[in-house]
Amino acid sequence: MVSLKENINLFLSYLDKNRGYSLNSLITYEQALREMAEVSHYYVEEGTIVLDITPFRLRVIDNSKRTISKKLSAVRSLVKYLRQQHDLAISLVGDGVIKVPKTLPKPIDESII
């Protein structure tokens, strides 16, 4: 089994070379995934790789909903990449949906137009 850190490096390389992500996007993904890798559990159970991000969710609980959503999106993208590009049977545990409030655009003042 390839380590989680190696899989993260492969994913970041894929985003850079194949998907053409900007440097800022890559940095954002890398920060979120490295933080997740520090505390999450990554193991094999009955032939399936399990990525339990519950400890990661507890660590980021004080962040804003938007930040949490962004970090979870990076983790979901990693798992999707591993399933599709590497044919890995991987299960994500502790991945609940966070409702992010939608904001309406602010009206433009007539003096600006």
Foldseek 3Di string as FASTA:
>chain_A
DDDLVVLLVVVLVCCVPVVPDDPVVSVLLVVLSVLQSVPWDWDDDPQAIETESQRVCVVCVPPDLVSVQSSLVSVVVSVVCCCPVVVGRYHYHPRDDGDDDDDDDDDDDPVVD
